[in-house]
Amino acid sequence: MTANGAGRVEPADGHRQQRGATAGSTDPLILNGPRKWVLMGSISFTLFILYVLYAGIIKVFLPNQVADIDPANKINNLAGILALMSIATTIATPLSGALSDRLRTRWGRRAPFIAIGSLAAALLTFGLSFATTLMAITILWVMAAFCYNMMQVPMTTLIADRFAPDDRGKASGLLGAGQNIGTSVGVIVAGYLVVNLQLGYVLYGAAVLSCCIAFILVNREPSSLHMEREPLRLGHFIRGFWISPREHPDFAWAFISRFALYMGFTLITTYMLYILQDYIGLSRSEANAAIGRIFAIQLVGLLLSGVFSGFLSDRWGRRKPFVIQATILIAAAYAMPLLMPTMTGMYLYAGIVGIGYGAYTAVDMALMTQVLPKGGKSAGKDLGILIIALNIPLILGPVLAALILNISGNSYATLFTVAATLVAFSALLVLPIRSVR
C-alpha cells in the first residue's frame, strides 16, 4: 500500500481504504474484531520462534562451530558464511514476495510459501546438527536461510494484506516485539544448548516448523483463485524489481535509512561473542555466559518500548518521530562500551539499545507499508525490496567489520565508532520522507 499527500491509502489487494477506516471496512481481506487480533498475535509469536532460531544459530551456534574448526581464522570464516547467507536471503526476499503476489491457489497467496519454506528450512537445519566441516556448515546454513526467508516475507506481507492502515502500527509493534524478544530469548537459550549443538539445531528447526503449521491452520487465508493475475512476461517481471528513486523518493529514503541503521547494527551484533572475548577480556566460557545476560537486559528494554511505541504511533498518527528518536538512542548506546570497555559498559549498551531498537522495530514496518509505490498489487515484492535494506548489511556488515578490525589492528573501539556514526546518519535520512508524518 501507499500513502499520498491526501492521506489516502491503498491496501495490498488494490481496494482503496480511507485512513482511519477500520471496523467499517468493506474490503473482504481486511480483518476486524477477534480475527484481527488472532492474526496479529499469531504473526508475532511465529516470528518470535523464528528469531529464536536466527539469533541462536547466528550469534551462538555458528561462532562456536567456526571457532572449533579453525580458531585462528574464526573472524574471516564467520564473515564468509554470513556473507553468503545474506546473498541468498537477498535473492529470496524480493523473489518470494513477487512470486507470492502472483500465486493463485485455494489456500491463498502466502500460506503455500509459509508451509513449503518452513518444511525445507527445518530439514536443512536438522542437517546442520551433523555438519563437521566449514563447507558443510556453509552449504546447509545458506540453503536453510534462503528457505526461511521464502516463508518469512509472505508472512510479513500479511500486515499489508489483512490490516487496515490504522491497525498497522499495532501490528508492526507486535511483530517487532516478537522479533526482538525472540532474538534475546534465542541467544539466552542457545547459551545453554551450545554444549549440545545437535540437540540445539533439532529443537530450533522443529519449533519453527511446528509453529508455521499451526499458523496456517489457525489463520486460514482466503482463496486467491478469483484474483486477477497479469500474464507472466519475464522481462516485465525482472524490471518490476527496480523502483525508481525519482518517481518514488519516499521509498528510496526509507530504503537508504534502513540500510544505514542495519549496517551499523550488524557491525556489532555479528561479532558480539568475539567482542566479549577480545575487547572486554573474557574467556570463551565466560563470554558464552555473558552474552545471555546482555541479551536478557536488552530484552527488558525491548519489552518496555516495543509494543507501546506501536500503539502510540497509531494513536498519534505519527511514524517519523518514533523512528528518529529510536535511532538516536541506538547510536548513543554504542558510546557506552567506548567510554567503559567493561561489562558495566556492555550492560548499559544492552539496556539502551534494547529501548531504542524496540521502539524502532515497533514503528518501522508500519512506516514501510506507507511508502510502498502506488498500486498495491505488488505489496509482497515491494516489501521484499525494502527488506533487502536489512539483508545487504548482513552481507556487507561482517565483511566491513572484518576489514575495519584488520586495518585498525583489532580495534573494537573503532568498530563501535563506525557503527554509531552509521546509525546516527540513518536518523537524518528519515527527515526527507514526505508522505508519512
Foldseek 3Di string as FASTA:
>chain_A
DAFDPVRWDAFQQRDTDHVPDAPPDPPPQADDDPLVVVLLLLLLQLLLLVLLVVQLCQQPQQLVLLCVVPVVCSLVLSLVLLLLLLVLLLVLLLVLLQQLLQDFDQQHSQLVLQQVLLVVLLVLLLVCLVDNDSVSNSVSNSSSSNSVNSNSLSSLLSLRRHHRLLCSLLSLLSNLLSNLLSNLNSLLVSLVCSVRVSVVSNVSSVVSNVSSVVSCVSNRRGGRNPRDHDDDDPVVSVCVLDDDCVVQVLLVLLLLLLLLQLLLVLLDSSCQLVCCCPQANDDNNVSSNLSSVLSVLLSVLLVVARSVLSNVCSVVQAQLVLQLVLLLQLLVLLCQCVVPVHSVSSNSSSNSNSNSSNSNSSRSSSSNSHSFDPRSSSSSSSVSSSCSSNSVSSNVNSVVSVVVCVVVVNPVSVSSVSSSVSSNVSSVSNVVNDSGD
